PDB file of N, CA and C in Angstrom:
ATOM      1  N   MET A   1     -12.571  -6.917 -13.895  1.00  0.00           N
ATOM      2  CA  MET A   1     -13.193  -6.571 -12.618  1.00  0.00           C
ATOM      3  C   MET A   1     -13.832  -5.190 -12.750  1.00  0.00           C
ATOM      4  N   ASP A   2     -15.011  -5.040 -12.253  1.00  0.00           N
ATOM      5  CA  ASP A   2     -15.721  -3.772 -12.232  1.00  0.00           C
ATOM      6  C   ASP A   2     -15.029  -2.854 -11.221  1.00  0.00           C
ATOM      7  N   MET A   3     -14.625  -1.653 -11.663  1.00  0.00           N
ATOM      8  CA  MET A   3     -13.894  -0.726 -10.789  1.00  0.00           C
ATOM      9  C   MET A   3     -14.706  -0.367  -9.552  1.00  0.00           C
ATOM     10  N   ARG A   4     -16.046  -0.354  -9.671  1.00  0.00           N
ATOM     11  CA  ARG A   4     -16.859  -0.047  -8.493  1.00  0.00           C
ATOM     12  C   ARG A   4     -16.673  -1.103  -7.416  1.00  0.00           C
ATOM     13  N   GLN A   5     -16.483  -2.362  -7.815  1.00  0.00           N
ATOM     14  CA  GLN A   5     -16.249  -3.419  -6.831  1.00  0.00           C
ATOM     15  C   GLN A   5     -14.890  -3.252  -6.170  1.00  0.00           C
ATOM     16  N   SER A   6     -13.880  -2.858  -6.955  1.00  0.00           N
ATOM     17  CA  SER A   6     -12.541  -2.717  -6.393  1.00  0.00           C
ATOM     18  C   SER A   6     -12.461  -1.545  -5.421  1.00  0.00           C
ATOM     19  N   ARG A   7     -13.415  -0.626  -5.499  1.00  0.00           N
ATOM     20  CA  ARG A   7     -13.417   0.522  -4.602  1.00  0.00           C
ATOM     21  C   ARG A   7     -14.459   0.369  -3.495  1.00  0.00           C
ATOM     22  N   ALA A   8     -14.873  -0.853  -3.236  1.00  0.00           N
ATOM     23  CA  ALA A   8     -15.864  -1.080  -2.185  1.00  0.00           C
ATOM     24  C   ALA A   8     -15.293  -0.667  -0.840  1.00  0.00           C
ATOM     25  N   GLY A   9     -16.131  -0.144   0.013  1.00  0.00           N
ATOM     26  CA  GLY A   9     -15.688   0.279   1.332  1.00  0.00           C
ATOM     27  C   GLY A   9     -15.348   1.752   1.353  1.00  0.00           C
ATOM     28  N   SER A  10     -15.452   2.337   2.527  1.00  0.00           N
ATOM     29  CA  SER A  10     -15.155   3.759   2.689  1.00  0.00           C
ATOM     30  C   SER A  10     -13.657   3.982   2.685  1.00  0.00           C
ATOM     31  N   ARG A  11     -13.220   4.965   1.926  1.00  0.00           N
ATOM     32  CA  ARG A  11     -11.807   5.326   1.912  1.00  0.00           C
ATOM     33  C   ARG A  11     -11.554   6.361   2.991  1.00  0.00           C
ATOM     34  N   ILE A  12     -10.522   6.129   3.766  1.00  0.00           N
ATOM     35  CA  ILE A  12     -10.154   7.044   4.842  1.00  0.00           C
ATOM     36  C   ILE A  12      -8.889   7.785   4.404  1.00  0.00           C
ATOM     37  N   PRO A  13      -8.969   9.099   4.240  1.00  0.00           N
ATOM     38  CA  PRO A  13      -7.769   9.834   3.865  1.00  0.00           C
ATOM     39  C   PRO A  13      -6.800   9.879   5.045  1.00  0.00           C
ATOM     40  N   VAL A  14      -5.649   9.262   4.883  1.00  0.00           N
ATOM     41  CA  VAL A  14      -4.657   9.224   5.960  1.00  0.00           C
ATOM     42  C   VAL A  14      -3.265   9.141   5.339  1.00  0.00           C
ATOM     43  N   GLU A  15      -2.363   9.968   5.841  1.00  0.00           N
ATOM     44  CA  GLU A  15      -0.984   9.982   5.342  1.00  0.00           C
ATOM     45  C   GLU A  15      -0.077   9.363   6.386  1.00  0.00           C
ATOM     46  N   LEU A  16       0.411   8.159   6.068  1.00  0.00           N
ATOM     47  CA  LEU A  16       1.311   7.427   6.955  1.00  0.00           C
ATOM     48  C   LEU A  16       2.507   6.928   6.154  1.00  0.00           C
ATOM     49  N   PRO A  17       3.674   6.817   6.799  1.00  0.00           N
ATOM     50  CA  PRO A  17       4.841   6.288   6.094  1.00  0.00           C
ATOM     51  C   PRO A  17       4.572   4.858   5.624  1.00  0.00           C
ATOM     52  N   ALA A  18       5.009   4.569   4.407  1.00  0.00           N
ATOM     53  CA  ALA A  18       4.806   3.235   3.840  1.00  0.00           C
ATOM     54  C   ALA A  18       6.049   2.804   3.071  1.00  0.00           C
ATOM     55  N   GLU A  19       6.268   1.515   3.073  1.00  0.00           N
ATOM     56  CA  GLU A  19       7.361   0.915   2.323  1.00  0.00           C
ATOM     57  C   GLU A  19       6.723  -0.100   1.375  1.00  0.00           C
ATOM     58  N   VAL A  20       7.074  -0.022   0.099  1.00  0.00           N
ATOM     59  CA  VAL A  20       6.496  -0.908  -0.907  1.00  0.00           C
ATOM     60  C   VAL A  20       7.619  -1.758  -1.495  1.00  0.00           C
ATOM     61  N   ARG A  21       7.353  -3.057  -1.577  1.00  0.00           N
ATOM     62  CA  ARG A  21       8.367  -4.001  -2.082  1.00  0.00           C
ATOM     63  C   ARG A  21       7.706  -4.909  -3.114  1.00  0.00           C
ATOM     64  N   TRP A  22       8.444  -5.191  -4.200  1.00  0.00           N
ATOM     65  CA  TRP A  22       7.940  -6.081  -5.234  1.00  0.00           C
ATOM     66  C   TRP A  22       9.099  -6.689  -6.008  1.00  0.00           C
ATOM     67  N   LYS A  23       8.784  -7.713  -6.783  1.00  0.00           N
ATOM     68  CA  LYS A  23       9.766  -8.368  -7.632  1.00  0.00           C
ATOM     69  C   LYS A  23       9.574  -7.831  -9.045  1.00  0.00           C
ATOM     70  N   SER A  24      10.635  -7.271  -9.621  1.00  0.00           N
ATOM     71  CA  SER A  24      10.554  -6.688 -10.957  1.00  0.00           C
ATOM     72  C   SER A  24      10.458  -7.798 -12.007  1.00  0.00           C
ATOM     73  N   ARG A  25      10.160  -7.403 -13.217  1.00  0.00           N
ATOM     74  CA  ARG A  25      10.054  -8.386 -14.309  1.00  0.00           C
ATOM     75  C   ARG A  25      11.385  -9.080 -14.566  1.00  0.00           C
ATOM     76  N   SER A  26      12.498  -8.418 -14.213  1.00  0.00           N
ATOM     77  CA  SER A  26      13.818  -9.034 -14.392  1.00  0.00           C
ATOM     78  C   SER A  26      14.171  -9.971 -13.236  1.00  0.00           C
ATOM     79  N   GLY A  27      13.289 -10.031 -12.221  1.00  0.00           N
ATOM     80  CA  GLY A  27      13.506 -10.950 -11.104  1.00  0.00           C
ATOM     81  C   GLY A  27      14.172 -10.331  -9.897  1.00  0.00           C
ATOM     82  N   ASN A  28      14.519  -9.046  -9.984  1.00  0.00           N
ATOM     83  CA  ASN A  28      15.149  -8.354  -8.862  1.00  0.00           C
ATOM     84  C   ASN A  28      14.090  -7.778  -7.932  1.00  0.00           C
ATOM     85  N   PHE A  29      14.403  -7.764  -6.638  1.00  0.00           N
ATOM     86  CA  PHE A  29      13.484  -7.135  -5.691  1.00  0.00           C
ATOM     87  C   PHE A  29      13.712  -5.638  -5.697  1.00  0.00           C
ATOM     88  N   ARG A  30      12.612  -4.887  -5.721  1.00  0.00           N
ATOM     89  CA  ARG A  30      12.646  -3.434  -5.665  1.00  0.00           C
ATOM     90  C   ARG A  30      11.952  -3.001  -4.387  1.00  0.00           C
ATOM     91  N   GLN A  31      12.378  -1.880  -3.851  1.00  0.00           N
ATOM     92  CA  GLN A  31      11.761  -1.346  -2.637  1.00  0.00           C
ATOM     93  C   GLN A  31      11.818   0.169  -2.694  1.00  0.00           C
ATOM     94  N   VAL A  32      10.690   0.818  -2.376  1.00  0.00           N
ATOM     95  CA  VAL A  32      10.641   2.276  -2.343  1.00  0.00           C
ATOM     96  C   VAL A  32       9.891   2.722  -1.098  1.00  0.00           C
ATOM     97  N   GLU A  33      10.213   3.927  -0.659  1.00  0.00           N
ATOM     98  CA  GLU A  33       9.520   4.557   0.457  1.00  0.00           C
ATOM     99  C   GLU A  33       8.452   5.480  -0.108  1.00  0.00           C
ATOM    100  N   GLY A  34       7.335   5.549   0.556  1.00  0.00           N
ATOM    101  CA  GLY A  34       6.264   6.431   0.118  1.00  0.00           C
ATOM    102  C   GLY A  34       5.339   6.742   1.274  1.00  0.00           C
ATOM    103  N   LYS A  35       4.114   7.141   0.940  1.00  0.00           N
ATOM    104  CA  LYS A  35       3.108   7.467   1.954  1.00  0.00           C
ATOM    105  C   LYS A  35       1.753   6.974   1.480  1.00  0.00           C
ATOM    106  N   THR A  36       0.907   6.640   2.430  1.00  0.00           N
ATOM    107  CA  THR A  36      -0.464   6.321   2.073  1.00  0.00           C
ATOM    108  C   THR A  36      -1.187   7.627   1.757  1.00  0.00           C
ATOM    109  N   GLY A  37      -2.140   7.542   0.849  1.00  0.00           N
ATOM    110  CA  GLY A  37      -2.995   8.681   0.550  1.00  0.00           C
ATOM    111  C   GLY A  37      -4.380   8.450   1.119  1.00  0.00           C
ATOM    112  N   ASN A  38      -4.824   7.195   1.007  1.00  0.00           N
ATOM    113  CA  ASN A  38      -6.074   6.766   1.626  1.00  0.00           C
ATOM    114  C   ASN A  38      -6.039   5.252   1.781  1.00  0.00           C
ATOM    115  N   ILE A  39      -6.843   4.765   2.717  1.00  0.00           N
ATOM    116  CA  ILE A  39      -6.910   3.327   3.003  1.00  0.00           C
ATOM    117  C   ILE A  39      -8.374   2.958   3.181  1.00  0.00           C
ATOM    118  N   SER A  40      -8.734   1.780   2.665  1.00  0.00           N
ATOM    119  CA  SER A  40     -10.067   1.223   2.916  1.00  0.00           C
ATOM    120  C   SER A  40      -9.875  -0.225   3.345  1.00  0.00           C
ATOM    121  N   GLY A  41     -10.949  -0.917   3.584  1.00  0.00           N
ATOM    122  CA  GLY A  41     -10.858  -2.317   3.969  1.00  0.00           C
ATOM    123  C   GLY A  41     -10.401  -3.222   2.840  1.00  0.00           C
ATOM    124  N   THR A  42     -10.451  -2.722   1.598  1.00  0.00           N
ATOM    125  CA  THR A  42     -10.101  -3.559   0.451  1.00  0.00           C
ATOM    126  C   THR A  42      -8.910  -3.069  -0.346  1.00  0.00           C
ATOM    127  N   GLY A  43      -8.413  -1.858  -0.057  1.00  0.00           N
ATOM    128  CA  GLY A  43      -7.307  -1.343  -0.844  1.00  0.00           C
ATOM    129  C   GLY A  43      -6.761  -0.051  -0.283  1.00  0.00           C
ATOM    130  N   LEU A  44      -5.795   0.494  -1.009  1.00  0.00           N
ATOM    131  CA  LEU A  44      -5.198   1.758  -0.597  1.00  0.00           C
ATOM    132  C   LEU A  44      -4.553   2.452  -1.778  1.00  0.00           C
ATOM    133  N   PHE A  45      -4.305   3.749  -1.605  1.00  0.00           N
ATOM    134  CA  PHE A  45      -3.570   4.532  -2.582  1.00  0.00           C
ATOM    135  C   PHE A  45      -2.261   4.934  -1.938  1.00  0.00           C
ATOM    136  N   LEU A  46      -1.175   4.792  -2.683  1.00  0.00           N
ATOM    137  CA  LEU A  46       0.159   5.100  -2.186  1.00  0.00           C
ATOM    138  C   LEU A  46       0.839   6.105  -3.093  1.00  0.00           C
ATOM    139  N   THR A  47       1.411   7.138  -2.501  1.00  0.00           N
ATOM    140  CA  THR A  47       2.270   8.020  -3.285  1.00  0.00           C
ATOM    141  C   THR A  47       3.672   7.433  -3.191  1.00  0.00           C
ATOM    142  N   VAL A  48       4.227   7.108  -4.340  1.00  0.00           N
ATOM    143  CA  VAL A  48       5.548   6.483  -4.424  1.00  0.00           C
ATOM    144  C   VAL A  48       6.295   7.056  -5.626  1.00  0.00           C
ATOM    145  N   PRO A  49       7.635   7.128  -5.555  1.00  0.00           N
ATOM    146  CA  PRO A  49       8.404   7.702  -6.656  1.00  0.00           C
ATOM    147  C   PRO A  49       8.520   6.779  -7.872  1.00  0.00           C
ATOM    148  N   VAL A  50       8.304   5.486  -7.693  1.00  0.00           N
ATOM    149  CA  VAL A  50       8.391   4.503  -8.785  1.00  0.00           C
ATOM    150  C   VAL A  50       7.094   3.712  -8.799  1.00  0.00           C
ATOM    151  N   ARG A  51       6.533   3.514  -9.983  1.00  0.00           N
ATOM    152  CA  ARG A  51       5.268   2.790 -10.080  1.00  0.00           C
ATOM    153  C   ARG A  51       5.499   1.390 -10.637  1.00  0.00           C
ATOM    154  N   PRO A  52       5.235   0.356  -9.839  1.00  0.00           N
ATOM    155  CA  PRO A  52       5.323  -1.010 -10.372  1.00  0.00           C
ATOM    156  C   PRO A  52       4.279  -1.204 -11.480  1.00  0.00           C
ATOM    157  N   HIS A  53       4.522  -2.158 -12.361  1.00  0.00           N
ATOM    158  CA  HIS A  53       3.587  -2.464 -13.444  1.00  0.00           C
ATOM    159  C   HIS A  53       2.225  -2.861 -12.880  1.00  0.00           C
ATOM    160  N   LEU A  54       1.183  -2.653 -13.662  1.00  0.00           N
ATOM    161  CA  LEU A  54      -0.153  -3.079 -13.263  1.00  0.00           C
ATOM    162  C   LEU A  54      -0.170  -4.586 -13.033  1.00  0.00           C
ATOM    163  N   GLN A  55      -0.917  -5.020 -12.055  1.00  0.00           N
ATOM    164  CA  GLN A  55      -1.080  -6.417 -11.628  1.00  0.00           C
ATOM    165  C   GLN A  55       0.156  -6.993 -10.931  1.00  0.00           C
ATOM    166  N   THR A  56       1.177  -6.169 -10.677  1.00  0.00           N
ATOM    167  CA  THR A  56       2.353  -6.629  -9.929  1.00  0.00           C
ATOM    168  C   THR A  56       1.953  -6.917  -8.495  1.00  0.00           C
ATOM    169  N   GLN A  57       2.388  -8.060  -7.974  1.00  0.00           N
ATOM    170  CA  GLN A  57       2.174  -8.407  -6.571  1.00  0.00           C
ATOM    171  C   GLN A  57       3.114  -7.537  -5.734  1.00  0.00           C
ATOM    172  N   ILE A  58       2.567  -6.877  -4.710  1.00  0.00           N
ATOM    173  CA  ILE A  58       3.381  -6.010  -3.866  1.00  0.00           C
ATOM    174  C   ILE A  58       3.137  -6.321  -2.396  1.00  0.00           C
ATOM    175  N   THR A  59       4.132  -5.983  -1.591  1.00  0.00           N
ATOM    176  CA  THR A  59       4.013  -6.040  -0.137  1.00  0.00           C
ATOM    177  C   THR A  59       4.161  -4.608   0.364  1.00  0.00           C
ATOM    178  N   ILE A  60       3.228  -4.189   1.192  1.00  0.00           N
ATOM    179  CA  ILE A  60       3.212  -2.826   1.711  1.00  0.00           C
ATOM    180  C   ILE A  60       3.313  -2.883   3.230  1.00  0.00           C
ATOM    181  N   ARG A  61       4.267  -2.144   3.768  1.00  0.00           N
ATOM    182  CA  ARG A  61       4.396  -2.052   5.222  1.00  0.00           C
ATOM    183  C   ARG A  61       4.067  -0.621   5.622  1.00  0.00           C
ATOM    184  N   VAL A  62       3.016  -0.459   6.423  1.00  0.00           N
ATOM    185  CA  VAL A  62       2.578   0.859   6.873  1.00  0.00           C
ATOM    186  C   VAL A  62       2.830   0.955   8.372  1.00  0.00           C
ATOM    187  N   SER A  63       3.531   1.982   8.783  1.00  0.00           N
ATOM    188  CA  SER A  63       3.800   2.207  10.202  1.00  0.00           C
ATOM    189  C   SER A  63       2.632   2.964  10.811  1.00  0.00           C
ATOM    190  N   LEU A  64       1.975   2.339  11.792  1.00  0.00           N
ATOM    191  CA  LEU A  64       0.850   2.978  12.475  1.00  0.00           C
ATOM    192  C   LEU A  64       1.378   3.726  13.690  1.00  0.00           C
ATOM    193  N   PRO A  65       0.893   4.931  13.929  1.00  0.00           N
ATOM    194  CA  PRO A  65       1.437   5.753  15.017  1.00  0.00           C
ATOM    195  C   PRO A  65       1.127   5.174  16.404  1.00  0.00           C
ATOM    196  N   ALA A  66       2.143   5.118  17.246  1.00  0.00           N
ATOM    197  CA  ALA A  66       1.983   4.606  18.614  1.00  0.00           C
ATOM    198  C   ALA A  66       1.008   5.460  19.410  1.00  0.00           C
ATOM    199  N   GLU A  67       0.865   6.736  19.048  1.00  0.00           N
ATOM    200  CA  GLU A  67      -0.091   7.610  19.736  1.00  0.00           C
ATOM    201  C   GLU A  67      -1.525   7.098  19.569  1.00  0.00           C
ATOM    202  N   VAL A  68      -1.770   6.395  18.482  1.00  0.00           N
ATOM    203  CA  VAL A  68      -3.099   5.859  18.191  1.00  0.00           C
ATOM    204  C   VAL A  68      -3.232   4.421  18.684  1.00  0.00           C
ATOM    205  N   THR A  69      -2.212   3.603  18.437  1.00  0.00           N
ATOM    206  CA  THR A  69      -2.290   2.171  18.743  1.00  0.00           C
ATOM    207  C   THR A  69      -1.847   1.833  20.161  1.00  0.00           C
ATOM    208  N   GLY A  70      -1.121   2.724  20.814  1.00  0.00           N
ATOM    209  CA  GLY A  70      -0.636   2.459  22.164  1.00  0.00           C
ATOM    210  C   GLY A  70       0.741   1.815  22.188  1.00  0.00           C
ATOM    211  N   VAL A  71       1.076   1.085  21.144  1.00  0.00           N
ATOM    212  CA  VAL A  71       2.399   0.469  20.975  1.00  0.00           C
ATOM    213  C   VAL A  71       2.765   0.579  19.493  1.00  0.00           C
ATOM    214  N   PRO A  72       4.052   0.539  19.154  1.00  0.00           N
ATOM    215  CA  PRO A  72       4.436   0.606  17.736  1.00  0.00           C
ATOM    216  C   PRO A  72       3.923  -0.637  16.984  1.00  0.00           C
ATOM    217  N   VAL A  73       3.123  -0.404  15.951  1.00  0.00           N
ATOM    218  CA  VAL A  73       2.524  -1.485  15.173  1.00  0.00           C
ATOM    219  C   VAL A  73       2.707  -1.201  13.690  1.00  0.00           C
ATOM    220  N   GLN A  74       2.887  -2.273  12.929  1.00  0.00           N
ATOM    221  CA  GLN A  74       2.944  -2.152  11.478  1.00  0.00           C
ATOM    222  C   GLN A  74       1.803  -2.939  10.858  1.00  0.00           C
ATOM    223  N   LEU A  75       1.198  -2.354   9.837  1.00  0.00           N
ATOM    224  CA  LEU A  75       0.200  -3.025   9.031  1.00  0.00           C
ATOM    225  C   LEU A  75       0.945  -3.566   7.819  1.00  0.00           C
ATOM    226  N   LEU A  76       0.927  -4.870   7.642  1.00  0.00           N
ATOM    227  CA  LEU A  76       1.610  -5.511   6.530  1.00  0.00           C
ATOM    228  C   LEU A  76       0.550  -6.010   5.565  1.00  0.00           C
ATOM    229  N   CYS A  77       0.547  -5.459   4.358  1.00  0.00           N
ATOM    230  CA  CYS A  77      -0.465  -5.802   3.358  1.00  0.00           C
ATOM    231  C   CYS A  77       0.181  -6.528   2.186  1.00  0.00           C
ATOM    232  N   TYR A  78      -0.522  -7.508   1.681  1.00  0.00           N
ATOM    233  CA  TYR A  78      -0.120  -8.227   0.480  1.00  0.00           C
ATOM    234  C   TYR A  78      -1.195  -7.954  -0.558  1.00  0.00           C
ATOM    235  N   GLY A  79      -0.804  -7.411  -1.685  1.00  0.00           N
ATOM    236  CA  GLY A  79      -1.797  -7.050  -2.678  1.00  0.00           C
ATOM    237  C   GLY A  79      -1.211  -6.958  -4.061  1.00  0.00           C
ATOM    238  N   ARG A  80      -1.931  -6.203  -4.921  1.00  0.00           N
ATOM    239  CA  ARG A  80      -1.500  -6.046  -6.303  1.00  0.00           C
ATOM    240  C   ARG A  80      -1.917  -4.672  -6.819  1.00  0.00           C
ATOM    241  N   VAL A  81      -1.079  -4.152  -7.695  1.00  0.00           N
ATOM    242  CA  VAL A  81      -1.320  -2.839  -8.286  1.00  0.00           C
ATOM    243  C   VAL A  81      -2.469  -2.953  -9.284  1.00  0.00           C
ATOM    244  N   VAL A  82      -3.482  -2.091  -9.133  1.00  0.00           N
ATOM    245  CA  VAL A  82      -4.625  -2.129 -10.045  1.00  0.00           C
ATOM    246  C   VAL A  82      -4.793  -0.835 -10.839  1.00  0.00           C
ATOM    247  N   ARG A  83      -4.104   0.234 -10.426  1.00  0.00           N
ATOM    248  CA  ARG A  83      -4.261   1.502 -11.132  1.00  0.00           C
ATOM    249  C   ARG A  83      -3.081   2.400 -10.838  1.00  0.00           C
ATOM    250  N   TRP A  84      -2.675   3.162 -11.845  1.00  0.00           N
ATOM    251  CA  TRP A  84      -1.691   4.221 -11.648  1.00  0.00           C
ATOM    252  C   TRP A  84      -2.424   5.525 -11.442  1.00  0.00           C
ATOM    253  N   SER A  85      -1.777   6.477 -10.822  1.00  0.00           N
ATOM    254  CA  SER A  85      -2.396   7.774 -10.579  1.00  0.00           C
ATOM    255  C   SER A  85      -2.733   8.477 -11.894  1.00  0.00           C
ATOM    256  N   GLN A  86      -3.734   9.337 -11.811  1.00  0.00           N
ATOM    257  CA  GLN A  86      -4.142  10.157 -12.950  1.00  0.00           C
ATOM    258  C   GLN A  86      -3.315  11.447 -12.961  1.00  0.00           C
ATOM    259  N   ALA A  87      -3.390  12.189 -14.032  1.00  0.00           N
ATOM    260  CA  ALA A  87      -2.597  13.410 -14.177  1.00  0.00           C
ATOM    261  C   ALA A  87      -2.882  14.425 -13.073  1.00  0.00           C
ATOM    262  N   ASP A  88      -4.118  14.446 -12.549  1.00  0.00           N
ATOM    263  CA  ASP A  88      -4.476  15.427 -11.516  1.00  0.00           C
ATOM    264  C   ASP A  88      -4.232  14.928 -10.100  1.00  0.00           C
ATOM    265  N   GLU A  89      -3.622  13.746  -9.958  1.00  0.00           N
ATOM    266  CA  GLU A  89      -3.337  13.165  -8.637  1.00  0.00           C
ATOM    267  C   GLU A  89      -1.834  13.194  -8.364  1.00  0.00           C
ATOM    268  N   LEU A  90      -1.469  12.989  -7.107  1.00  0.00           N
ATOM    269  CA  LEU A  90      -0.055  12.808  -6.772  1.00  0.00           C
ATOM    270  C   LEU A  90       0.449  11.536  -7.460  1.00  0.00           C
ATOM    271  N   PRO A  91       1.748  11.460  -7.802  1.00  0.00           N
ATOM    272  CA  PRO A  91       2.259  10.250  -8.454  1.00  0.00           C
ATOM    273  C   PRO A  91       2.182   9.060  -7.513  1.00  0.00           C
ATOM    274  N   GLY A  92       1.560   7.994  -7.970  1.00  0.00           N
ATOM    275  CA  GLY A  92       1.436   6.824  -7.116  1.00  0.00           C
ATOM    276  C   GLY A  92       0.627   5.715  -7.754  1.00  0.00           C
ATOM    277  N   VAL A  93       0.231   4.768  -6.909  1.00  0.00           N
ATOM    278  CA  VAL A  93      -0.509   3.598  -7.370  1.00  0.00           C
ATOM    279  C   VAL A  93      -1.651   3.279  -6.415  1.00  0.00           C
ATOM    280  N   ALA A  94      -2.679   2.672  -6.973  1.00  0.00           N
ATOM    281  CA  ALA A  94      -3.762   2.121  -6.175  1.00  0.00           C
ATOM    282  C   ALA A  94      -3.566   0.615  -6.153  1.00  0.00           C
ATOM    283  N   ALA A  95      -3.788   0.016  -4.995  1.00  0.00           N
ATOM    284  CA  ALA A  95      -3.594  -1.430  -4.853  1.00  0.00           C
ATOM    285  C   ALA A  95      -4.779  -2.057  -4.140  1.00  0.00           C
ATOM    286  N   ILE A  96      -5.113  -3.256  -4.565  1.00  0.00           N
ATOM    287  CA  ILE A  96      -6.098  -4.084  -3.889  1.00  0.00           C
ATOM    288  C   ILE A  96      -5.349  -4.838  -2.793  1.00  0.00           C
ATOM    289  N   ILE A  97      -5.940  -4.944  -1.617  1.00  0.00           N
ATOM    290  CA  ILE A  97      -5.353  -5.730  -0.533  1.00  0.00           C
ATOM    291  C   ILE A  97      -5.954  -7.133  -0.585  1.00  0.00           C
ATOM    292  N   ASP A  98      -5.106  -8.128  -0.835  1.00  0.00           N
ATOM    293  CA  ASP A  98      -5.553  -9.518  -0.860  1.00  0.00           C
ATOM    294  C   ASP A  98      -5.492 -10.155   0.521  1.00  0.00           C
ATOM    295  N   ASP A  99      -4.543  -9.718   1.338  1.00  0.00           N
ATOM    296  CA  ASP A  99      -4.377 -10.244   2.693  1.00  0.00           C
ATOM    297  C   ASP A  99      -3.590  -9.218   3.499  1.00  0.00           C
ATOM    298  N   TYR A 100      -3.719  -9.270   4.805  1.00  0.00           N
ATOM    299  CA  TYR A 100      -2.974  -8.338   5.654  1.00  0.00           C
ATOM    300  C   TYR A 100      -2.793  -8.943   7.037  1.00  0.00           C
ATOM    301  N   GLU A 101      -1.878  -8.359   7.781  1.00  0.00           N
ATOM    302  CA  GLU A 101      -1.674  -8.733   9.181  1.00  0.00           C
ATOM    303  C   GLU A 101      -1.113  -7.535   9.923  1.00  0.00           C
ATOM    304  N   LEU A 102      -1.347  -7.509  11.224  1.00  0.00           N
ATOM    305  CA  LEU A 102      -0.758  -6.501  12.101  1.00  0.00           C
ATOM    306  C   LEU A 102       0.396  -7.151  12.840  1.00  0.00           C
ATOM    307  N   ARG A 103       1.512  -6.438  12.921  1.00  0.00           N
ATOM    308  CA  ARG A 103       2.702  -6.973  13.584  1.00  0.00           C
ATOM    309  C   ARG A 103       3.287  -5.917  14.502  1.00  0.00           C
ATOM    310  N   PRO A 104       3.924  -6.362  15.586  1.00  0.00           N
ATOM    311  CA  PRO A 104       4.712  -5.401  16.382  1.00  0.00           C
ATOM    312  C   PRO A 104       5.758  -4.768  15.459  1.00  0.00           C
ATOM    313  N   ALA A 105       6.019  -3.501  15.638  1.00  0.00           N
ATOM    314  CA  ALA A 105       6.925  -2.773  14.732  1.00  0.00           C
ATOM    315  C   ALA A 105       8.336  -3.331  14.722  1.00  0.00           C
ATOM    316  N   HIS A 106       8.768  -3.978  15.794  1.00  0.00           N
ATOM    317  CA  HIS A 106      10.158  -4.470  15.851  1.00  0.00           C
ATOM    318  C   HIS A 106      10.321  -5.823  15.168  1.00  0.00           C
ATOM    319  N   ARG A 107       9.253  -6.492  14.779  1.00  0.00           N
ATOM    320  CA  ARG A 107       9.342  -7.821  14.145  1.00  0.00           C
ATOM    321  C   ARG A 107       9.673  -7.677  12.661  1.00  0.00           C
ATOM    322  N   PRO A 108      10.681  -8.381  12.157  1.00  0.00           N
ATOM    323  CA  PRO A 108      11.049  -8.251  10.742  1.00  0.00           C
ATOM    324  C   PRO A 108      10.001  -8.871   9.817  1.00  0.00           C
ATOM    325  N   VAL A 109      10.005  -8.396   8.558  1.00  0.00           N
ATOM    326  CA  VAL A 109       9.067  -8.903   7.538  1.00  0.00           C
ATOM    327  C   VAL A 109       9.573 -10.211   6.997  1.00  0.00           C
TER     328      VAL A 109
END
């Protein structure tokens, strides 16, 4: 895939709490807390303490502020890791969003 295509859309720099979940190569589910660094219509960058392998399918839950949305809402994204951070960036991963949905914050994943 051409990296220019994967970065289509304007990136919005925004720091919001995020939870990242994936299935490890050993078959165990992993989950880490992190923050968004930027979001676009096709992907996002996440600062996280653990980096899943490239092409790992991940689920990302981003808490959207009620001050903005009017009610507590979560953005639930399904995607895959396409890049790890560079040496001059915060530790994290870039992910392509394959699908997403908005949910009331109290509804379980």
